[in-house]
Amino acid sequence: MAHATVQMGNAMPRGKTIGKPVSAAAALGVGVALGLFAGADARAESCVTKHGSATGITRGFAEYEAFLIIRQITGNWPFEQDRISKPVYKCKGGGALWTCSATATVCKG
């Protein structure tokens, strides 16, 4: 069995580079900067505002249930997996019952 070696006329010798070398720190800095911009866009897009409404025999219970609905529809019940802002409540009392609506921002991750 014959063994052949091919040598190309324009091949660069090992260890030689073309152009200016780029330091590892500079390459890392550019990579981190691009990652931060991409990450900021992804985080901004992953937040949504959700609303829930519930009725209860006390204001506190109606608020709790309205917020619980937000947790349930976003998959954060029984364990909270996402970041949820402190809810803002609007309540109306009428007779023996309270009706409250809750609004909160849910960010995935």
PDB file of N, CA and C in Angstrom:
ATOM      1  N   MET A   1       0.846  -1.158   0.000  1.00  0.00           N
ATOM      2  CA  MET A   1       0.000   0.000   0.000  1.00  0.00           C
ATOM      3  C   MET A   1       0.898   1.229   0.000  1.00  0.00           C
ATOM      4  N   ALA A   2       0.645   2.141  -0.885  1.00  0.00           N
ATOM      5  CA  ALA A   2       1.463   3.336  -1.012  1.00  0.00           C
ATOM      6  C   ALA A   2       0.853   4.463  -0.210  1.00  0.00           C
ATOM      7  N   HIS A   3       1.724   5.290   0.341  1.00  0.00           N
ATOM      8  CA  HIS A   3       1.283   6.440   1.137  1.00  0.00           C
ATOM      9  C   HIS A   3       1.725   7.698   0.417  1.00  0.00           C
ATOM     10  N   ALA A   4       0.774   8.585   0.155  1.00  0.00           N
ATOM     11  CA  ALA A   4       1.112   9.796  -0.594  1.00  0.00           C
ATOM     12  C   ALA A   4       0.863  11.020   0.256  1.00  0.00           C
ATOM     13  N   THR A   5       1.710  12.029   0.116  1.00  0.00           N
ATOM     14  CA  THR A   5       1.544  13.304   0.803  1.00  0.00           C
ATOM     15  C   THR A   5       1.384  14.374  -0.254  1.00  0.00           C
ATOM     16  N   VAL A   6       0.422  15.240   0.001  1.00  0.00           N
ATOM     17  CA  VAL A   6       0.173  16.331  -0.936  1.00  0.00           C
ATOM     18  C   VAL A   6       0.540  17.617  -0.225  1.00  0.00           C
ATOM     19  N   GLN A   7       1.361  18.436  -0.884  1.00  0.00           N
ATOM     20  CA  GLN A   7       1.722  19.724  -0.311  1.00  0.00           C
ATOM     21  C   GLN A   7       1.201  20.795  -1.252  1.00  0.00           C
ATOM     22  N   MET A   8       0.455  21.740  -0.657  1.00  0.00           N
ATOM     23  CA  MET A   8      -0.123  22.799  -1.469  1.00  0.00           C
ATOM     24  C   MET A   8       0.871  23.948  -1.532  1.00  0.00           C
ATOM     25  N   GLY A   9       0.963  24.543  -2.678  1.00  0.00           N
ATOM     26  CA  GLY A   9       1.927  25.610  -2.881  1.00  0.00           C
ATOM     27  C   GLY A   9       1.629  26.868  -2.077  1.00  0.00           C
ATOM     28  N   ASN A  10       0.370  27.216  -1.806  1.00  0.00           N
ATOM     29  CA  ASN A  10       0.011  28.449  -1.103  1.00  0.00           C
ATOM     30  C   ASN A  10      -0.289  28.227   0.381  1.00  0.00           C
ATOM     31  N   ALA A  11      -0.005  27.052   0.894  1.00  0.00           N
ATOM     32  CA  ALA A  11      -0.341  26.769   2.289  1.00  0.00           C
ATOM     33  C   ALA A  11       0.530  27.607   3.215  1.00  0.00           C
ATOM     34  N   MET A  12      -0.085  28.120   4.284  1.00  0.00           N
ATOM     35  CA  MET A  12       0.638  28.911   5.282  1.00  0.00           C
ATOM     36  C   MET A  12       1.360  27.961   6.224  1.00  0.00           C
ATOM     37  N   PRO A  13       2.565  28.277   6.586  1.00  0.00           N
ATOM     38  CA  PRO A  13       3.257  27.455   7.577  1.00  0.00           C
ATOM     39  C   PRO A  13       2.533  27.560   8.916  1.00  0.00           C
ATOM     40  N   ARG A  14       2.606  26.519   9.718  1.00  0.00           N
ATOM     41  CA  ARG A  14       1.933  26.524  11.019  1.00  0.00           C
ATOM     42  C   ARG A  14       2.488  27.627  11.899  1.00  0.00           C
ATOM     43  N   GLY A  15       1.554  28.208  12.713  1.00  0.00           N
ATOM     44  CA  GLY A  15       1.969  29.243  13.646  1.00  0.00           C
ATOM     45  C   GLY A  15       1.895  30.638  13.054  1.00  0.00           C
ATOM     46  N   LYS A  16       1.649  30.759  11.796  1.00  0.00           N
ATOM     47  CA  LYS A  16       1.565  32.074  11.153  1.00  0.00           C
ATOM     48  C   LYS A  16       0.100  32.491  11.071  1.00  0.00           C
ATOM     49  N   THR A  17      -0.168  33.785  11.220  1.00  0.00           N
ATOM     50  CA  THR A  17      -1.528  34.299  11.099  1.00  0.00           C
ATOM     51  C   THR A  17      -1.570  35.380  10.044  1.00  0.00           C
ATOM     52  N   ILE A  18      -2.748  35.599   9.544  1.00  0.00           N
ATOM     53  CA  ILE A  18      -2.955  36.658   8.562  1.00  0.00           C
ATOM     54  C   ILE A  18      -3.660  37.795   9.276  1.00  0.00           C
ATOM     55  N   GLY A  19      -3.216  39.002   9.141  1.00  0.00           N
ATOM     56  CA  GLY A  19      -3.850  40.148   9.781  1.00  0.00           C
ATOM     57  C   GLY A  19      -3.406  40.284  11.232  1.00  0.00           C
ATOM     58  N   LYS A  20      -4.086  41.160  11.960  1.00  0.00           N
ATOM     59  CA  LYS A  20      -3.742  41.407  13.349  1.00  0.00           C
ATOM     60  C   LYS A  20      -4.414  40.375  14.251  1.00  0.00           C
ATOM     61  N   PRO A  21      -3.691  39.868  15.226  1.00  0.00           N
ATOM     62  CA  PRO A  21      -4.313  38.902  16.128  1.00  0.00           C
ATOM     63  C   PRO A  21      -5.318  39.608  17.053  1.00  0.00           C
ATOM     64  N   VAL A  22      -6.388  38.920  17.392  1.00  0.00           N
ATOM     65  CA  VAL A  22      -7.404  39.450  18.293  1.00  0.00           C
ATOM     66  C   VAL A  22      -7.187  38.793  19.656  1.00  0.00           C
ATOM     67  N   SER A  23      -7.102  39.621  20.678  1.00  0.00           N
ATOM     68  CA  SER A  23      -6.875  39.060  22.008  1.00  0.00           C
ATOM     69  C   SER A  23      -8.128  38.335  22.490  1.00  0.00           C
ATOM     70  N   ALA A  24      -7.948  37.378  23.364  1.00  0.00           N
ATOM     71  CA  ALA A  24      -9.072  36.616  23.911  1.00  0.00           C
ATOM     72  C   ALA A  24      -9.984  37.527  24.713  1.00  0.00           C
ATOM     73  N   ALA A  25      -9.411  38.511  25.413  1.00  0.00           N
ATOM     74  CA  ALA A  25     -10.223  39.428  26.219  1.00  0.00           C
ATOM     75  C   ALA A  25     -11.139  40.270  25.331  1.00  0.00           C
ATOM     76  N   ALA A  26     -10.628  40.715  24.190  1.00  0.00           N
ATOM     77  CA  ALA A  26     -11.445  41.521  23.278  1.00  0.00           C
ATOM     78  C   ALA A  26     -12.587  40.684  22.700  1.00  0.00           C
ATOM     79  N   ALA A  27     -12.269  39.461  22.309  1.00  0.00           N
ATOM     80  CA  ALA A  27     -13.311  38.582  21.766  1.00  0.00           C
ATOM     81  C   ALA A  27     -14.359  38.275  22.824  1.00  0.00           C
ATOM     82  N   LEU A  28     -13.926  38.041  24.048  1.00  0.00           N
ATOM     83  CA  LEU A  28     -14.855  37.770  25.133  1.00  0.00           C
ATOM     84  C   LEU A  28     -15.734  38.988  25.405  1.00  0.00           C
ATOM     85  N   GLY A  29     -15.147  40.181  25.376  1.00  0.00           N
ATOM     86  CA  GLY A  29     -15.907  41.415  25.620  1.00  0.00           C
ATOM     87  C   GLY A  29     -16.999  41.613  24.590  1.00  0.00           C
ATOM     88  N   VAL A  30     -16.690  41.370  23.334  1.00  0.00           N
ATOM     89  CA  VAL A  30     -17.690  41.510  22.274  1.00  0.00           C
ATOM     90  C   VAL A  30     -18.789  40.468  22.460  1.00  0.00           C
ATOM     91  N   GLY A  31     -18.414  39.240  22.798  1.00  0.00           N
ATOM     92  CA  GLY A  31     -19.407  38.189  23.012  1.00  0.00           C
ATOM     93  C   GLY A  31     -20.335  38.501  24.171  1.00  0.00           C
ATOM     94  N   VAL A  32     -19.777  39.017  25.261  1.00  0.00           N
ATOM     95  CA  VAL A  32     -20.596  39.362  26.432  1.00  0.00           C
ATOM     96  C   VAL A  32     -21.532  40.517  26.092  1.00  0.00           C
ATOM     97  N   ALA A  33     -21.036  41.527  25.388  1.00  0.00           N
ATOM     98  CA  ALA A  33     -21.877  42.675  25.029  1.00  0.00           C
ATOM     99  C   ALA A  33     -23.045  42.237  24.150  1.00  0.00           C
ATOM    100  N   LEU A  34     -22.785  41.390  23.182  1.00  0.00           N
ATOM    101  CA  LEU A  34     -23.868  40.911  22.327  1.00  0.00           C
ATOM    102  C   LEU A  34     -24.856  40.071  23.123  1.00  0.00           C
ATOM    103  N   GLY A  35     -24.368  39.276  24.044  1.00  0.00           N
ATOM    104  CA  GLY A  35     -25.236  38.461  24.880  1.00  0.00           C
ATOM    105  C   GLY A  35     -26.115  39.298  25.787  1.00  0.00           C
ATOM    106  N   LEU A  36     -25.575  40.397  26.320  1.00  0.00           N
ATOM    107  CA  LEU A  36     -26.362  41.260  27.197  1.00  0.00           C
ATOM    108  C   LEU A  36     -27.498  41.919  26.429  1.00  0.00           C
ATOM    109  N   PHE A  37     -27.214  42.378  25.208  1.00  0.00           N
ATOM    110  CA  PHE A  37     -28.264  43.007  24.416  1.00  0.00           C
ATOM    111  C   PHE A  37     -29.342  41.991  24.048  1.00  0.00           C
ATOM    112  N   ALA A  38     -28.945  40.809  23.660  1.00  0.00           N
ATOM    113  CA  ALA A  38     -29.918  39.776  23.301  1.00  0.00           C
ATOM    114  C   ALA A  38     -30.715  39.357  24.525  1.00  0.00           C
ATOM    115  N   GLY A  39     -30.057  39.244  25.674  1.00  0.00           N
ATOM    116  CA  GLY A  39     -30.743  38.848  26.899  1.00  0.00           C
ATOM    117  C   GLY A  39     -31.739  39.896  27.355  1.00  0.00           C
ATOM    118  N   ALA A  40     -31.398  41.162  27.217  1.00  0.00           N
ATOM    119  CA  ALA A  40     -32.310  42.232  27.630  1.00  0.00           C
ATOM    120  C   ALA A  40     -33.573  42.213  26.779  1.00  0.00           C
ATOM    121  N   ASP A  41     -33.418  41.978  25.473  1.00  0.00           N
ATOM    122  CA  ASP A  41     -34.589  41.909  24.602  1.00  0.00           C
ATOM    123  C   ASP A  41     -35.468  40.720  24.963  1.00  0.00           C
ATOM    124  N   ALA A  42     -34.848  39.586  25.243  1.00  0.00           N
ATOM    125  CA  ALA A  42     -35.618  38.388  25.571  1.00  0.00           C
ATOM    126  C   ALA A  42     -36.373  38.567  26.883  1.00  0.00           C
ATOM    127  N   ARG A  43     -35.723  39.201  27.879  1.00  0.00           N
ATOM    128  CA  ARG A  43     -36.402  39.409  29.156  1.00  0.00           C
ATOM    129  C   ARG A  43     -37.548  40.402  29.007  1.00  0.00           C
ATOM    130  N   ALA A  44     -37.358  41.454  28.223  1.00  0.00           N
ATOM    131  CA  ALA A  44     -38.409  42.455  28.065  1.00  0.00           C
ATOM    132  C   ALA A  44     -39.629  41.856  27.375  1.00  0.00           C
ATOM    133  N   GLU A  45     -39.402  40.953  26.443  1.00  0.00           N
ATOM    134  CA  GLU A  45     -40.509  40.366  25.702  1.00  0.00           C
ATOM    135  C   GLU A  45     -41.228  39.269  26.488  1.00  0.00           C
ATOM    136  N   SER A  46     -40.606  38.754  27.542  1.00  0.00           N
ATOM    137  CA  SER A  46     -41.210  37.637  28.252  1.00  0.00           C
ATOM    138  C   SER A  46     -42.106  38.082  29.410  1.00  0.00           C
ATOM    139  N   CYS A  47     -42.365  39.369  29.549  1.00  0.00           N
ATOM    140  CA  CYS A  47     -43.238  39.869  30.614  1.00  0.00           C
ATOM    141  C   CYS A  47     -44.608  40.224  30.039  1.00  0.00           C
ATOM    142  N   VAL A  48     -45.657  39.815  30.747  1.00  0.00           N
ATOM    143  CA  VAL A  48     -47.023  40.109  30.323  1.00  0.00           C
ATOM    144  C   VAL A  48     -47.838  40.584  31.521  1.00  0.00           C
ATOM    145  N   THR A  49     -48.856  41.377  31.271  1.00  0.00           N
ATOM    146  CA  THR A  49     -49.770  41.825  32.322  1.00  0.00           C
ATOM    147  C   THR A  49     -50.986  40.916  32.316  1.00  0.00           C
ATOM    148  N   LYS A  50     -51.336  40.406  33.492  1.00  0.00           N
ATOM    149  CA  LYS A  50     -52.473  39.494  33.622  1.00  0.00           C
ATOM    150  C   LYS A  50     -53.476  40.062  34.616  1.00  0.00           C
ATOM    151  N   HIS A  51     -54.735  39.690  34.430  1.00  0.00           N
ATOM    152  CA  HIS A  51     -55.826  40.161  35.278  1.00  0.00           C
ATOM    153  C   HIS A  51     -56.611  38.967  35.814  1.00  0.00           C
ATOM    154  N   GLY A  52     -57.099  39.107  37.029  1.00  0.00           N
ATOM    155  CA  GLY A  52     -57.950  38.084  37.622  1.00  0.00           C
ATOM    156  C   GLY A  52     -59.059  38.760  38.408  1.00  0.00           C
ATOM    157  N   SER A  53     -60.200  38.130  38.524  1.00  0.00           N
ATOM    158  CA  SER A  53     -61.334  38.694  39.252  1.00  0.00           C
ATOM    159  C   SER A  53     -61.991  37.596  40.066  1.00  0.00           C
ATOM    160  N   ALA A  54     -62.420  37.949  41.296  1.00  0.00           N
ATOM    161  CA  ALA A  54     -63.055  36.958  42.159  1.00  0.00           C
ATOM    162  C   ALA A  54     -63.998  37.636  43.138  1.00  0.00           C
ATOM    163  N   THR A  55     -64.918  36.850  43.693  1.00  0.00           N
ATOM    164  CA  THR A  55     -65.880  37.324  44.684  1.00  0.00           C
ATOM    165  C   THR A  55     -65.716  36.504  45.950  1.00  0.00           C
ATOM    166  N   GLY A  56     -65.779  37.195  47.107  1.00  0.00           N
ATOM    167  CA  GLY A  56     -65.648  36.503  48.378  1.00  0.00           C
ATOM    168  C   GLY A  56     -66.445  37.191  49.468  1.00  0.00           C
ATOM    169  N   ILE A  57     -66.539  36.519  50.615  1.00  0.00           N
ATOM    170  CA  ILE A  57     -67.329  37.087  51.710  1.00  0.00           C
ATOM    171  C   ILE A  57     -66.570  38.160  52.477  1.00  0.00           C
ATOM    172  N   THR A  58     -65.228  38.243  52.273  1.00  0.00           N
ATOM    173  CA  THR A  58     -64.448  39.345  52.842  1.00  0.00           C
ATOM    174  C   THR A  58     -63.591  39.936  51.733  1.00  0.00           C
ATOM    175  N   ARG A  59     -63.141  41.157  51.936  1.00  0.00           N
ATOM    176  CA  ARG A  59     -62.277  41.807  50.944  1.00  0.00           C
ATOM    177  C   ARG A  59     -60.970  41.041  50.795  1.00  0.00           C
ATOM    178  N   GLY A  60     -60.386  40.638  51.910  1.00  0.00           N
ATOM    179  CA  GLY A  60     -59.122  39.900  51.863  1.00  0.00           C
ATOM    180  C   GLY A  60     -59.228  38.601  51.093  1.00  0.00           C
ATOM    181  N   PHE A  61     -60.324  37.886  51.298  1.00  0.00           N
ATOM    182  CA  PHE A  61     -60.516  36.624  50.583  1.00  0.00           C
ATOM    183  C   PHE A  61     -60.708  36.873  49.088  1.00  0.00           C
ATOM    184  N   ALA A  62     -61.451  37.898  48.723  1.00  0.00           N
ATOM    185  CA  ALA A  62     -61.668  38.214  47.303  1.00  0.00           C
ATOM    186  C   ALA A  62     -60.348  38.613  46.634  1.00  0.00           C
ATOM    187  N   GLU A  63     -59.505  39.384  47.346  1.00  0.00           N
ATOM    188  CA  GLU A  63     -58.186  39.754  46.804  1.00  0.00           C
ATOM    189  C   GLU A  63     -57.318  38.513  46.612  1.00  0.00           C
ATOM    190  N   TYR A  64     -57.302  37.652  47.630  1.00  0.00           N
ATOM    191  CA  TYR A  64     -56.505  36.419  47.551  1.00  0.00           C
ATOM    192  C   TYR A  64     -56.933  35.572  46.352  1.00  0.00           C
ATOM    193  N   GLU A  65     -58.223  35.390  46.175  1.00  0.00           N
ATOM    194  CA  GLU A  65     -58.723  34.571  45.074  1.00  0.00           C
ATOM    195  C   GLU A  65     -58.442  35.196  43.711  1.00  0.00           C
ATOM    196  N   ALA A  66     -58.524  36.520  43.603  1.00  0.00           N
ATOM    197  CA  ALA A  66     -58.240  37.201  42.338  1.00  0.00           C
ATOM    198  C   ALA A  66     -56.771  37.011  41.947  1.00  0.00           C
ATOM    199  N   PHE A  67     -55.879  37.112  42.935  1.00  0.00           N
ATOM    200  CA  PHE A  67     -54.450  36.899  42.660  1.00  0.00           C
ATOM    201  C   PHE A  67     -54.175  35.420  42.367  1.00  0.00           C
ATOM    202  N   LEU A  68     -54.879  34.537  43.034  1.00  0.00           N
ATOM    203  CA  LEU A  68     -54.715  33.101  42.800  1.00  0.00           C
ATOM    204  C   LEU A  68     -55.069  32.749  41.361  1.00  0.00           C
ATOM    205  N   ILE A  69     -56.068  33.398  40.816  1.00  0.00           N
ATOM    206  CA  ILE A  69     -56.445  33.158  39.420  1.00  0.00           C
ATOM    207  C   ILE A  69     -55.284  33.519  38.490  1.00  0.00           C
ATOM    208  N   ILE A  70     -54.600  34.642  38.764  1.00  0.00           N
ATOM    209  CA  ILE A  70     -53.433  35.027  37.949  1.00  0.00           C
ATOM    210  C   ILE A  70     -52.365  33.945  38.046  1.00  0.00           C
ATOM    211  N   ARG A  71     -52.104  33.470  39.242  1.00  0.00           N
ATOM    212  CA  ARG A  71     -51.095  32.415  39.416  1.00  0.00           C
ATOM    213  C   ARG A  71     -51.494  31.149  38.675  1.00  0.00           C
ATOM    214  N   GLN A  72     -52.767  30.796  38.697  1.00  0.00           N
ATOM    215  CA  GLN A  72     -53.215  29.567  38.041  1.00  0.00           C
ATOM    216  C   GLN A  72     -53.139  29.662  36.522  1.00  0.00           C
ATOM    217  N   ILE A  73     -53.577  30.784  35.947  1.00  0.00           N
ATOM    218  CA  ILE A  73     -53.591  30.884  34.476  1.00  0.00           C
ATOM    219  C   ILE A  73     -52.192  31.019  33.888  1.00  0.00           C
ATOM    220  N   THR A  74     -51.204  31.396  34.724  1.00  0.00           N
ATOM    221  CA  THR A  74     -49.826  31.520  34.233  1.00  0.00           C
ATOM    222  C   THR A  74     -48.976  30.310  34.595  1.00  0.00           C
ATOM    223  N   GLY A  75     -49.577  29.291  35.204  1.00  0.00           N
ATOM    224  CA  GLY A  75     -48.828  28.086  35.557  1.00  0.00           C
ATOM    225  C   GLY A  75     -47.975  28.251  36.801  1.00  0.00           C
ATOM    226  N   ASN A  76     -48.292  29.198  37.658  1.00  0.00           N
ATOM    227  CA  ASN A  76     -47.516  29.460  38.865  1.00  0.00           C
ATOM    228  C   ASN A  76     -48.230  28.998  40.132  1.00  0.00           C
ATOM    229  N   TRP A  77     -49.088  28.012  39.985  1.00  0.00           N
ATOM    230  CA  TRP A  77     -49.760  27.468  41.151  1.00  0.00           C
ATOM    231  C   TRP A  77     -49.684  25.957  41.070  1.00  0.00           C
ATOM    232  N   PRO A  78     -49.322  25.249  42.098  1.00  0.00           N
ATOM    233  CA  PRO A  78     -49.127  25.695  43.477  1.00  0.00           C
ATOM    234  C   PRO A  78     -47.738  26.255  43.758  1.00  0.00           C
ATOM    235  N   PHE A  79     -46.791  26.112  42.805  1.00  0.00           N
ATOM    236  CA  PHE A  79     -45.437  26.612  43.025  1.00  0.00           C
ATOM    237  C   PHE A  79     -45.159  27.765  42.085  1.00  0.00           C
ATOM    238  N   GLU A  80     -44.666  28.867  42.623  1.00  0.00           N
ATOM    239  CA  GLU A  80     -44.369  30.037  41.800  1.00  0.00           C
ATOM    240  C   GLU A  80     -43.030  29.833  41.114  1.00  0.00           C
ATOM    241  N   GLN A  81     -43.040  29.800  39.778  1.00  0.00           N
ATOM    242  CA  GLN A  81     -41.833  29.568  38.994  1.00  0.00           C
ATOM    243  C   GLN A  81     -41.364  30.827  38.279  1.00  0.00           C
ATOM    244  N   ASP A  82     -42.236  31.800  38.120  1.00  0.00           N
ATOM    245  CA  ASP A  82     -41.903  33.038  37.423  1.00  0.00           C
ATOM    246  C   ASP A  82     -41.882  34.196  38.416  1.00  0.00           C
ATOM    247  N   ARG A  83     -41.402  35.334  37.937  1.00  0.00           N
ATOM    248  CA  ARG A  83     -41.426  36.542  38.779  1.00  0.00           C
ATOM    249  C   ARG A  83     -42.763  37.239  38.569  1.00  0.00           C
ATOM    250  N   ILE A  84     -43.467  37.490  39.670  1.00  0.00           N
ATOM    251  CA  ILE A  84     -44.776  38.144  39.601  1.00  0.00           C
ATOM    252  C   ILE A  84     -44.715  39.401  40.455  1.00  0.00           C
ATOM    253  N   SER A  85     -45.115  40.535  39.860  1.00  0.00           N
ATOM    254  CA  SER A  85     -45.117  41.796  40.600  1.00  0.00           C
ATOM    255  C   SER A  85     -46.181  41.784  41.686  1.00  0.00           C
ATOM    256  N   LYS A  86     -46.057  42.718  42.610  1.00  0.00           N
ATOM    257  CA  LYS A  86     -47.083  42.849  43.641  1.00  0.00           C
ATOM    258  C   LYS A  86     -48.372  43.279  42.937  1.00  0.00           C
ATOM    259  N   PRO A  87     -49.474  42.565  43.174  1.00  0.00           N
ATOM    260  CA  PRO A  87     -50.707  42.891  42.451  1.00  0.00           C
ATOM    261  C   PRO A  87     -51.337  44.208  42.906  1.00  0.00           C
ATOM    262  N   VAL A  88     -52.044  44.838  41.982  1.00  0.00           N
ATOM    263  CA  VAL A  88     -52.830  46.040  42.272  1.00  0.00           C
ATOM    264  C   VAL A  88     -54.291  45.598  42.267  1.00  0.00           C
ATOM    265  N   TYR A  89     -55.009  45.929  43.330  1.00  0.00           N
ATOM    266  CA  TYR A  89     -56.390  45.477  43.478  1.00  0.00           C
ATOM    267  C   TYR A  89     -57.371  46.641  43.318  1.00  0.00           C
ATOM    268  N   LYS A  90     -58.525  46.344  42.754  1.00  0.00           N
ATOM    269  CA  LYS A  90     -59.678  47.255  42.717  1.00  0.00           C
ATOM    270  C   LYS A  90     -60.857  46.443  43.229  1.00  0.00           C
ATOM    271  N   CYS A  91     -61.453  46.900  44.326  1.00  0.00           N
ATOM    272  CA  CYS A  91     -62.517  46.126  44.968  1.00  0.00           C
ATOM    273  C   CYS A  91     -63.797  46.942  45.123  1.00  0.00           C
ATOM    274  N   LYS A  92     -64.920  46.223  45.089  1.00  0.00           N
ATOM    275  CA  LYS A  92     -66.230  46.832  45.331  1.00  0.00           C
ATOM    276  C   LYS A  92     -66.977  45.947  46.323  1.00  0.00           C
ATOM    277  N   GLY A  93     -67.509  46.570  47.340  1.00  0.00           N
ATOM    278  CA  GLY A  93     -68.305  45.828  48.316  1.00  0.00           C
ATOM    279  C   GLY A  93     -69.772  46.087  48.070  1.00  0.00           C
ATOM    280  N   GLY A  94     -70.527  45.031  48.014  1.00  0.00           N
ATOM    281  CA  GLY A  94     -71.965  45.191  47.795  1.00  0.00           C
ATOM    282  C   GLY A  94     -72.721  44.160  48.608  1.00  0.00           C
ATOM    283  N   GLY A  95     -73.414  44.610  49.616  1.00  0.00           N
ATOM    284  CA  GLY A  95     -74.149  43.658  50.460  1.00  0.00           C
ATOM    285  C   GLY A  95     -73.186  42.813  51.274  1.00  0.00           C
ATOM    286  N   ALA A  96     -73.339  41.513  51.182  1.00  0.00           N
ATOM    287  CA  ALA A  96     -72.509  40.602  51.969  1.00  0.00           C
ATOM    288  C   ALA A  96     -71.271  40.127  51.214  1.00  0.00           C
ATOM    289  N   LEU A  97     -71.087  40.532  49.944  1.00  0.00           N
ATOM    290  CA  LEU A  97     -69.980  40.030  49.137  1.00  0.00           C
ATOM    291  C   LEU A  97     -69.076  41.155  48.640  1.00  0.00           C
ATOM    292  N   TRP A  98     -67.798  40.808  48.452  1.00  0.00           N
ATOM    293  CA  TRP A  98     -66.819  41.698  47.851  1.00  0.00           C
ATOM    294  C   TRP A  98     -66.409  41.110  46.512  1.00  0.00           C
ATOM    295  N   THR A  99     -66.225  41.971  45.514  1.00  0.00           N
ATOM    296  CA  THR A  99     -65.685  41.556  44.221  1.00  0.00           C
ATOM    297  C   THR A  99     -64.416  42.358  43.979  1.00  0.00           C
ATOM    298  N   CYS A 100     -63.319  41.645  43.735  1.00  0.00           N
ATOM    299  CA  CYS A 100     -62.027  42.309  43.522  1.00  0.00           C
ATOM    300  C   CYS A 100     -61.419  41.847  42.208  1.00  0.00           C
ATOM    301  N   SER A 101     -60.751  42.790  41.545  1.00  0.00           N
ATOM    302  CA  SER A 101     -59.957  42.434  40.376  1.00  0.00           C
ATOM    303  C   SER A 101     -58.499  42.723  40.720  1.00  0.00           C
ATOM    304  N   ALA A 102     -57.622  41.869  40.254  1.00  0.00           N
ATOM    305  CA  ALA A 102     -56.183  42.004  40.504  1.00  0.00           C
ATOM    306  C   ALA A 102     -55.480  42.147  39.163  1.00  0.00           C
ATOM    307  N   THR A 103     -54.435  42.967  39.135  1.00  0.00           N
ATOM    308  CA  THR A 103     -53.590  43.134  37.950  1.00  0.00           C
ATOM    309  C   THR A 103     -52.150  42.967  38.397  1.00  0.00           C
ATOM    310  N   ALA A 104     -51.391  42.125  37.671  1.00  0.00           N
ATOM    311  CA  ALA A 104     -49.985  41.907  38.010  1.00  0.00           C
ATOM    312  C   ALA A 104     -49.197  41.633  36.742  1.00  0.00           C
ATOM    313  N   THR A 105     -47.907  41.920  36.784  1.00  0.00           N
ATOM    314  CA  THR A 105     -47.014  41.647  35.667  1.00  0.00           C
ATOM    315  C   THR A 105     -46.277  40.339  35.967  1.00  0.00           C
ATOM    316  N   VAL A 106     -46.295  39.428  35.002  1.00  0.00           N
ATOM    317  CA  VAL A 106     -45.655  38.121  35.155  1.00  0.00           C
ATOM    318  C   VAL A 106     -44.508  38.046  34.156  1.00  0.00           C
ATOM    319  N   CYS A 107     -43.303  37.773  34.674  1.00  0.00           N
ATOM    320  CA  CYS A 107     -42.116  37.645  33.816  1.00  0.00           C
ATOM    321  C   CYS A 107     -41.612  36.213  33.875  1.00  0.00           C
ATOM    322  N   LYS A 108     -41.490  35.591  32.729  1.00  0.00           N
ATOM    323  CA  LYS A 108     -41.030  34.205  32.661  1.00  0.00           C
ATOM    324  C   LYS A 108     -39.578  34.120  33.116  1.00  0.00           C
ATOM    325  N   GLY A 109     -39.291  33.019  33.770  1.00  0.00           N
ATOM    326  CA  GLY A 109     -37.902  32.792  34.169  1.00  0.00           C
ATOM    327  C   GLY A 109     -37.725  32.837  35.572  1.00  0.00           C
TER     328      GLY A 109
END
